[in-house]
C-alpha atoms as a PDB file:
ATOM      1  CA  MET A   1     -12.002  -6.683  10.484  1.00  0.00           C
ATOM      2  CA  GLU A   2     -13.993  -7.546   7.386  1.00  0.00           C
ATOM      3  CA  ASN A   3     -17.497  -7.133   8.703  1.00  0.00           C
ATOM      4  CA  SER A   4     -18.622  -3.737   9.583  1.00  0.00           C
ATOM      5  CA  GLU A   5     -19.314  -2.654  13.348  1.00  0.00           C
ATOM      6  CA  PRO A   6     -22.798  -3.773  14.649  1.00  0.00           C
ATOM      7  CA  SER A   7     -25.413  -1.326  14.036  1.00  0.00           C
ATOM      8  CA  ASP A   8     -28.300  -2.298  16.325  1.00  0.00           C
ATOM      9  CA  GLY A   9     -27.390  -0.008  19.326  1.00  0.00           C
ATOM     10  CA  PRO A  10     -24.742   2.313  20.700  1.00  0.00           C
ATOM     11  CA  GLU A  11     -21.312   1.004  21.034  1.00  0.00           C
ATOM     12  CA  SER A  12     -21.206   1.896  24.622  1.00  0.00           C
ATOM     13  CA  GLY A  13     -24.437  -0.267  25.110  1.00  0.00           C
ATOM     14  CA  LEU A  14     -22.984  -3.291  23.355  1.00  0.00           C
ATOM     15  CA  ALA A  15     -19.775  -3.058  25.363  1.00  0.00           C
ATOM     16  CA  SER A  16     -21.717  -2.650  28.662  1.00  0.00           C
ATOM     17  CA  GLN A  17     -23.708  -5.948  27.710  1.00  0.00           C
ATOM     18  CA  ALA A  18     -20.576  -7.555  27.233  1.00  0.00           C
ATOM     19  CA  THR A  19     -19.567  -7.165  30.799  1.00  0.00           C
ATOM     20  CA  ARG A  20     -22.216  -9.338  32.381  1.00  0.00           C
ATOM     21  CA  SER A  21     -21.071 -12.386  34.122  1.00  0.00           C
ATOM     22  CA  VAL A  22     -22.298 -15.739  32.903  1.00  0.00           C
ATOM     23  CA  PRO A  23     -21.482 -19.198  34.638  1.00  0.00           C
ATOM     24  CA  LEU A  24     -19.149 -21.300  32.389  1.00  0.00           C
ATOM     25  CA  THR A  25     -21.215 -24.294  32.777  1.00  0.00           C
ATOM     26  CA  TYR A  26     -23.875 -22.473  31.028  1.00  0.00           C
ATOM     27  CA  SER A  27     -21.353 -21.023  28.439  1.00  0.00           C
ATOM     28  CA  PHE A  28     -20.545 -24.568  27.294  1.00  0.00           C
ATOM     29  CA  ARG A  29     -24.148 -25.451  26.441  1.00  0.00           C
ATOM     30  CA  GLY A  30     -25.957 -24.738  23.260  1.00  0.00           C
ATOM     31  CA  PRO A  31     -24.363 -24.050  19.732  1.00  0.00           C
ATOM     32  CA  THR A  32     -21.028 -22.706  18.660  1.00  0.00           C
ATOM     33  CA  VAL A  33     -20.118 -20.086  16.119  1.00  0.00           C
ATOM     34  CA  VAL A  34     -17.612 -20.660  13.468  1.00  0.00           C
ATOM     35  CA  VAL A  35     -15.130 -17.719  13.565  1.00  0.00           C
ATOM     36  CA  LYS A  36     -13.078 -17.519  10.467  1.00  0.00           C
ATOM     37  CA  VAL A  37      -9.803 -15.634  10.934  1.00  0.00           C
ATOM     38  CA  GLY A  38      -6.930 -14.181   9.020  1.00  0.00           C
ATOM     39  CA  PRO A  39      -6.268 -14.141   5.126  1.00  0.00           C
ATOM     40  CA  ASP A  40      -6.294 -17.986   4.958  1.00  0.00           C
ATOM     41  CA  LEU A  41      -9.719 -18.001   7.091  1.00  0.00           C
ATOM     42  CA  LYS A  42      -8.481 -20.354   9.933  1.00  0.00           C
ATOM     43  CA  GLN A  43     -11.601 -21.744  11.631  1.00  0.00           C
ATOM     44  CA  TYR A  44     -12.432 -21.723  15.332  1.00  0.00           C
ATOM     45  CA  HIS A  45     -15.460 -23.130  17.057  1.00  0.00           C
ATOM     46  CA  ILE A  46     -16.391 -20.813  19.955  1.00  0.00           C
ATOM     47  CA  HIS A  47     -19.484 -21.097  22.116  1.00  0.00           C
ATOM     48  CA  LYS A  48     -22.104 -18.537  21.209  1.00  0.00           C
ATOM     49  CA  THR A  49     -22.854 -17.567  24.735  1.00  0.00           C
ATOM     50  CA  LEU A  50     -19.315 -16.837  25.709  1.00  0.00           C
ATOM     51  CA  LEU A  51     -18.934 -14.624  22.511  1.00  0.00           C
ATOM     52  CA  LYS A  52     -22.197 -12.729  23.282  1.00  0.00           C
ATOM     53  CA  TYR A  53     -21.390 -12.045  26.872  1.00  0.00           C
ATOM     54  CA  ASN A  54     -17.823 -11.282  26.300  1.00  0.00           C
ATOM     55  CA  SER A  55     -17.816  -9.038  23.229  1.00  0.00           C
ATOM     56  CA  GLY A  56     -20.104  -6.249  22.067  1.00  0.00           C
ATOM     57  CA  TYR A  57     -19.056  -6.864  18.561  1.00  0.00           C
ATOM     58  CA  PHE A  58     -20.119 -10.538  18.494  1.00  0.00           C
ATOM     59  CA  CYS A  59     -23.200  -9.584  20.679  1.00  0.00           C
ATOM     60  CA  GLY A  60     -24.331  -7.268  17.980  1.00  0.00           C
ATOM     61  CA  ALA A  61     -23.166  -9.539  14.936  1.00  0.00           C
ATOM     62  CA  ILE A  62     -24.689 -12.763  15.981  1.00  0.00           C
ATOM     63  CA  GLY A  63     -28.084 -13.286  14.575  1.00  0.00           C
ATOM     64  CA  HIS A  64     -28.442  -9.556  13.506  1.00  0.00           C
ATOM     65  CA  LYS A  65     -29.794  -9.146   9.880  1.00  0.00           C
ATOM     66  CA  ALA A  66     -26.774  -6.797   8.914  1.00  0.00           C
ATOM     67  CA  PHE A  67     -24.526  -9.891   9.151  1.00  0.00           C
ATOM     68  CA  ALA A  68     -26.016 -12.505   6.770  1.00  0.00           C
ATOM     69  CA  SER A  69     -23.183 -15.012   7.531  1.00  0.00           C
ATOM     70  CA  ALA A  70     -23.569 -14.657  11.260  1.00  0.00           C
ATOM     71  CA  GLN A  71     -27.063 -15.904  10.906  1.00  0.00           C
ATOM     72  CA  ASP A  72     -25.574 -19.268   9.490  1.00  0.00           C
ATOM     73  CA  GLY A  73     -23.257 -19.483  12.559  1.00  0.00           C
ATOM     74  CA  VAL A  74     -20.094 -17.962  10.819  1.00  0.00           C
ATOM     75  CA  VAL A  75     -18.352 -14.611  11.497  1.00  0.00           C
ATOM     76  CA  THR A  76     -15.261 -13.538   9.416  1.00  0.00           C
ATOM     77  CA  LEU A  77     -12.524 -11.719  10.726  1.00  0.00           C
ATOM     78  CA  LYS A  78     -10.325 -11.573   7.719  1.00  0.00           C
ATOM     79  CA  ASN A  79      -8.049  -8.798   8.935  1.00  0.00           C
ATOM     80  CA  VAL A  80      -7.322 -10.329  12.272  1.00  0.00           C
ATOM     81  CA  ASP A  81      -4.271 -12.476  12.833  1.00  0.00           C
ATOM     82  CA  PRO A  82      -5.018 -15.999  14.218  1.00  0.00           C
ATOM     83  CA  ALA A  83      -2.495 -16.015  16.890  1.00  0.00           C
ATOM     84  CA  THR A  84      -4.050 -12.928  18.399  1.00  0.00           C
ATOM     85  CA  PHE A  85      -7.507 -14.327  18.146  1.00  0.00           C
ATOM     86  CA  GLU A  86      -6.286 -17.500  19.857  1.00  0.00           C
ATOM     87  CA  GLY A  87      -5.035 -15.378  22.960  1.00  0.00           C
ATOM     88  CA  PHE A  88      -8.641 -13.641  22.853  1.00  0.00           C
ATOM     89  CA  ALA A  89     -10.318 -17.316  22.724  1.00  0.00           C
ATOM     90  CA  CYS A  90      -7.996 -18.468  25.445  1.00  0.00           C
ATOM     91  CA  PHE A  91      -9.240 -15.647  27.672  1.00  0.00           C
ATOM     92  CA  LEU A  92     -12.795 -16.622  26.943  1.00  0.00           C
ATOM     93  CA  TYR A  93     -12.269 -20.170  28.191  1.00  0.00           C
ATOM     94  CA  HIS A  94      -9.764 -19.885  30.774  1.00  0.00           C
ATOM     95  CA  GLY A  95      -9.701 -16.204  31.893  1.00  0.00           C
ATOM     96  CA  ASN A  96      -6.019 -16.088  30.934  1.00  0.00           C
ATOM     97  CA  ALA A  97      -3.901 -16.432  27.844  1.00  0.00           C
ATOM     98  CA  SER A  98      -0.531 -18.027  27.235  1.00  0.00           C
ATOM     99  CA  SER A  99       2.095 -15.880  25.453  1.00  0.00           C
ATOM    100  CA  THR A 100       4.391 -18.595  25.757  1.00  0.00           C
ATOM    101  CA  LYS A 101       2.522 -21.638  24.431  1.00  0.00           C
ATOM    102  CA  PRO A 102       4.476 -23.867  21.874  1.00  0.00           C
ATOM    103  CA  GLY A 103       4.335 -22.263  18.467  1.00  0.00           C
ATOM    104  CA  TRP A 104       2.801 -18.779  19.194  1.00  0.00           C
ATOM    105  CA  THR A 105       5.755 -16.895  17.984  1.00  0.00           C
ATOM    106  CA  GLU A 106       5.533 -18.554  14.520  1.00  0.00           C
ATOM    107  CA  LEU A 107       1.710 -17.914  14.412  1.00  0.00           C
ATOM    108  CA  LEU A 108       2.154 -14.379  15.344  1.00  0.00           C
ATOM    109  CA  SER A 109       2.275 -12.688  11.574  1.00  0.00           C
ATOM    110  CA  THR A 110       5.121 -10.292  11.153  1.00  0.00           C
ATOM    111  CA  LYS A 111       2.764  -8.393   9.025  1.00  0.00           C
ATOM    112  CA  LEU A 112       0.926  -7.189  12.066  1.00  0.00           C
ATOM    113  CA  THR A 113       3.599  -4.762  13.152  1.00  0.00           C
ATOM    114  CA  GLY A 114       5.892  -5.003  10.073  1.00  0.00           C
ATOM    115  CA  SER A 115       8.459  -6.365  12.466  1.00  0.00           C
ATOM    116  CA  THR A 116      10.143  -9.521  13.100  1.00  0.00           C
ATOM    117  CA  HIS A 117      10.078  -9.112  16.760  1.00  0.00           C
ATOM    118  CA  THR A 118       7.457 -11.366  18.196  1.00  0.00           C
ATOM    119  CA  THR A 119       7.766 -10.828  21.860  1.00  0.00           C
ATOM    120  CA  GLU A 120       5.399 -11.592  24.690  1.00  0.00           C
ATOM    121  CA  LEU A 121       4.812  -7.817  24.768  1.00  0.00           C
ATOM    122  CA  THR A 122       3.890  -7.693  21.096  1.00  0.00           C
ATOM    123  CA  PHE A 123       1.464 -10.564  21.768  1.00  0.00           C
ATOM    124  CA  LEU A 124      -0.307  -8.973  24.804  1.00  0.00           C
ATOM    125  CA  VAL A 125      -0.657  -5.496  22.992  1.00  0.00           C
ATOM    126  CA  THR A 126      -2.201  -6.949  19.915  1.00  0.00           C
ATOM    127  CA  CYS A 127      -4.554  -8.963  21.982  1.00  0.00           C
ATOM    128  CA  TYR A 128      -5.538  -5.745  23.707  1.00  0.00           C
ATOM    129  CA  ILE A 129      -5.876  -3.836  20.521  1.00  0.00           C
ATOM    130  CA  LEU A 130      -8.185  -6.789  19.267  1.00  0.00           C
ATOM    131  CA  SER A 131     -10.174  -6.564  22.549  1.00  0.00           C
ATOM    132  CA  GLU A 132     -10.548  -2.933  21.855  1.00  0.00           C
ATOM    133  CA  GLU A 133     -11.834  -3.638  18.318  1.00  0.00           C
ATOM    134  CA  LEU A 134     -14.279  -6.491  19.501  1.00  0.00           C
ATOM    135  CA  LEU A 135     -15.825  -4.101  22.310  1.00  0.00           C
ATOM    136  CA  ALA A 136     -14.519  -6.826  24.846  1.00  0.00           C
ATOM    137  CA  PRO A 137     -14.024  -4.808  28.186  1.00  0.00           C
ATOM    138  CA  LEU A 138     -13.038  -7.761  30.221  1.00  0.00           C
ATOM    139  CA  SER A 139     -10.362  -9.274  28.059  1.00  0.00           C
ATOM    140  CA  LYS A 140      -9.165  -5.693  27.355  1.00  0.00           C
ATOM    141  CA  VAL A 141      -8.435  -5.247  31.236  1.00  0.00           C
ATOM    142  CA  PHE A 142      -6.830  -8.631  31.406  1.00  0.00           C
ATOM    143  CA  PHE A 143      -4.309  -7.838  28.461  1.00  0.00           C
ATOM    144  CA  LEU A 144      -3.709  -4.209  29.586  1.00  0.00           C
ATOM    145  CA  GLN A 145      -2.536  -5.508  32.969  1.00  0.00           C
ATOM    146  CA  GLU A 146      -0.454  -8.269  31.336  1.00  0.00           C
ATOM    147  CA  ALA A 147       1.061  -5.810  28.957  1.00  0.00           C
ATOM    148  CA  TYR A 148       1.859  -3.379  31.853  1.00  0.00           C
ATOM    149  CA  ARG A 149       3.555  -6.115  33.910  1.00  0.00           C
ATOM    150  CA  SER A 150       5.517  -7.335  30.654  1.00  0.00           C
ATOM    151  CA  THR A 151       7.040  -3.738  30.122  1.00  0.00           C
ATOM    152  CA  ILE A 152       9.161  -4.332  33.302  1.00  0.00           C
ATOM    153  CA  LYS A 153      11.088  -7.315  31.484  1.00  0.00           C
ATOM    154  CA  THR A 154      10.477  -6.299  27.699  1.00  0.00           C
ATOM    155  CA  ARG A 155      11.421  -3.002  26.296  1.00  0.00           C
ATOM    156  CA  PRO A 156       8.573  -1.611  24.021  1.00  0.00           C
ATOM    157  CA  ARG A 157      10.265  -1.051  20.356  1.00  0.00           C
ATOM    158  CA  TYR A 158       9.517   1.772  18.181  1.00  0.00           C
ATOM    159  CA  GLU A 159       7.676  -0.247  15.617  1.00  0.00           C
ATOM    160  CA  LEU A 160       5.216  -1.654  18.214  1.00  0.00           C
ATOM    161  CA  ILE A 161       4.604   1.903  19.727  1.00  0.00           C
ATOM    162  CA  ALA A 162       3.833   3.263  16.229  1.00  0.00           C
ATOM    163  CA  PHE A 163       1.558   0.537  15.665  1.00  0.00           C
ATOM    164  CA  THR A 164      -0.333   1.157  18.710  1.00  0.00           C
ATOM    165  CA  TYR A 165      -0.686   4.865  18.011  1.00  0.00           C
ATOM    166  CA  ASP A 166      -2.109   3.875  14.429  1.00  0.00           C
ATOM    167  CA  CYS A 167      -4.541   1.295  15.918  1.00  0.00           C
ATOM    168  CA  LEU A 168      -5.926   2.876  19.149  1.00  0.00           C
ATOM    169  CA  PRO A 169      -8.319   5.786  19.673  1.00  0.00           C
ATOM    170  CA  GLU A 170      -6.942   9.004  21.386  1.00  0.00           C
ATOM    171  CA  ASN A 171      -6.941   8.902  25.237  1.00  0.00           C
ATOM    172  CA  ASN A 172      -6.389   5.312  25.337  1.00  0.00           C
ATOM    173  CA  PRO A 173      -3.895   4.407  27.954  1.00  0.00           C
ATOM    174  CA  MET A 174      -1.760   1.853  26.287  1.00  0.00           C
ATOM    175  CA  PRO A 175       0.379   4.222  24.053  1.00  0.00           C
ATOM    176  CA  ASP A 176       1.168   6.328  27.115  1.00  0.00           C
ATOM    177  CA  ILE A 177       2.338   3.182  29.224  1.00  0.00           C
ATOM    178  CA  LEU A 178       4.450   1.883  26.233  1.00  0.00           C
ATOM    179  CA  VAL A 179       6.035   5.610  25.967  1.00  0.00           C
ATOM    180  CA  ASP A 180       6.818   5.854  29.739  1.00  0.00           C
ATOM    181  CA  ALA A 181       8.219   2.144  29.807  1.00  0.00           C
ATOM    182  CA  HIS A 182      10.647   2.947  26.737  1.00  0.00           C
ATOM    183  CA  CYS A 183      11.827   6.083  28.407  1.00  0.00           C
ATOM    184  CA  ASP A 184      12.778   4.143  31.496  1.00  0.00           C
ATOM    185  CA  TRP A 185      14.483   1.472  29.376  1.00  0.00           C
ATOM    186  CA  TRP A 186      16.167   4.343  27.442  1.00  0.00           C
ATOM    187  CA  LYS A 187      17.439   5.659  30.943  1.00  0.00           C
ATOM    188  CA  TYR A 188      19.219   2.591  31.725  1.00  0.00           C
ATOM    189  CA  MET A 189      20.380   1.491  28.350  1.00  0.00           C
ATOM    190  CA  GLY A 190      21.218   4.768  26.611  1.00  0.00           C
ATOM    191  CA  SER A 191      22.826   4.188  23.413  1.00  0.00           C
ATOM    192  CA  ALA A 192      22.460   0.668  23.767  1.00  0.00           C
ATOM    193  CA  VAL A 193      18.933   1.080  22.591  1.00  0.00           C
ATOM    194  CA  GLU A 194      19.206   0.207  18.972  1.00  0.00           C
ATOM    195  CA  GLU A 195      16.470   0.970  16.554  1.00  0.00           C
ATOM    196  CA  SER A 196      16.713   0.939  12.613  1.00  0.00           C
ATOM    197  CA  ASP A 197      16.364   4.521  10.847  1.00  0.00           C
ATOM    198  CA  GLU A 198      13.276   3.099   9.280  1.00  0.00           C
ATOM    199  CA  ASP A 199      11.568   2.485  12.431  1.00  0.00           C
ATOM    200  CA  ILE A 200      12.602   5.843  13.797  1.00  0.00           C
ATOM    201  CA  LYS A 201      11.228   7.799  10.781  1.00  0.00           C
ATOM    202  CA  GLY A 202       7.790   5.900  11.152  1.00  0.00           C
ATOM    203  CA  LEU A 203       7.409   7.335  14.872  1.00  0.00           C
ATOM    204  CA  PRO A 204       4.341   9.627  15.352  1.00  0.00           C
ATOM    205  CA  ALA A 205       4.755  13.133  16.135  1.00  0.00           C
ATOM    206  CA  GLU A 206       2.574  12.555  19.300  1.00  0.00           C
ATOM    207  CA  PHE A 207       5.035   9.855  20.668  1.00  0.00           C
ATOM    208  CA  LEU A 208       7.984  12.142  20.062  1.00  0.00           C
ATOM    209  CA  TYR A 209       6.428  15.029  22.015  1.00  0.00           C
ATOM    210  CA  CYS A 210       5.330  12.428  24.775  1.00  0.00           C
ATOM    211  CA  MET A 211       8.652  10.946  24.924  1.00  0.00           C
ATOM    212  CA  GLY A 212      10.301  14.307  25.040  1.00  0.00           C
ATOM    213  CA  VAL A 213       8.202  15.586  27.883  1.00  0.00           C
ATOM    214  CA  ALA A 214       9.028  12.303  29.677  1.00  0.00           C
ATOM    215  CA  LEU A 215      12.748  12.491  29.300  1.00  0.00           C
ATOM    216  CA  CYS A 216      12.875  16.009  30.417  1.00  0.00           C
ATOM    217  CA  LYS A 217      11.231  15.185  33.695  1.00  0.00           C
ATOM    218  CA  LEU A 218      13.869  12.421  34.121  1.00  0.00           C
ATOM    219  CA  VAL A 219      16.728  14.707  33.297  1.00  0.00           C
ATOM    220  CA  ARG A 220      15.258  17.467  35.740  1.00  0.00           C
ATOM    221  CA  ARG A 221      14.885  14.650  38.312  1.00  0.00           C
ATOM    222  CA  GLU A 222      11.256  15.374  38.685  1.00  0.00           C
ATOM    223  CA  VAL A 223      10.595  11.741  38.585  1.00  0.00           C
ATOM    224  CA  VAL A 224      12.739   8.634  39.394  1.00  0.00           C
ATOM    225  CA  GLU A 225      11.044   6.696  36.485  1.00  0.00           C
ATOM    226  CA  CYS A 226       8.419   7.752  33.993  1.00  0.00           C
ATOM    227  CA  ARG A 227       6.132   4.453  34.334  1.00  0.00           C
ATOM    228  CA  LYS A 228       3.492   5.131  36.784  1.00  0.00           C
ATOM    229  CA  PRO A 229       1.264   2.908  38.820  1.00  0.00           C
ATOM    230  CA  LEU A 230      -1.160   1.410  36.317  1.00  0.00           C
ATOM    231  CA  GLY A 231      -4.270   2.896  37.995  1.00  0.00           C
ATOM    232  CA  GLN A 232      -2.806   6.651  37.456  1.00  0.00           C
ATOM    233  CA  TYR A 233      -3.038   6.443  33.784  1.00  0.00           C
ATOM    234  CA  LYS A 234      -6.098   7.948  31.907  1.00  0.00           C
ATOM    235  CA  GLU A 235      -9.223   5.892  31.785  1.00  0.00           C
ATOM    236  CA  VAL A 236      -7.580   3.038  33.447  1.00  0.00           C
ATOM    237  CA  GLU A 237      -9.444   3.510  36.846  1.00  0.00           C
ATOM    238  CA  GLU A 238     -12.787   3.007  35.073  1.00  0.00           C
ATOM    239  CA  MET A 239     -11.621  -0.040  33.202  1.00  0.00           C
ATOM    240  CA  LEU A 240     -10.267  -1.709  36.271  1.00  0.00           C
ATOM    241  CA  ALA A 241     -13.628  -1.220  37.891  1.00  0.00           C
ATOM    242  CA  LEU A 242     -14.920  -3.927  35.541  1.00  0.00           C
ATOM    243  CA  ASP A 243     -12.121  -6.403  36.673  1.00  0.00           C
END
């Protein structure tokens, strides 16, 4: 994101403030903020109250002196993909996001993961990553749950897993979920799992280690499948308490 992180308080405080509930009827009153997204600065008019109560980033940015443009009702997210932001905005207004809406696959930039594979899972994971960056705990929980469900029908590809490791902090549950899901798909598909040499070379060492451990458990029959119930992943229980 082009703007730096808000500096008027601890990150945890901003994120906590963003978990407050606010009636939708009240949210639709008052001014809107123009959010300019992506390299082409596509404009979205989002109600200020929704942004402040759902995102610690926007809560800190809107009206703060460190963000001169925000004082004029404009916030720029130049490095965010418009399709991903639309998923976040859809959650703000509807409490859900449509990963199958017409045209979203065309909008989802292939530059985001360096891949041409624009799947529902890619959409959900990138929306989750954006929620993490925007300090938006409620949408983060929603996209985590939806991505977890999506791994049942979609195999996480190597480039998406590598992208996730690059973007998320240590101890975040999403990489572990994708690793376990990938291993389960590998168990059933075996050599039919095709990935390019370039994708394989780009895999982080941490992923290779976790995948090795998971596959060993499968081979030794210590587990029937690697993918655990969502609540058993690290930090998820605390996240789900917000839902």
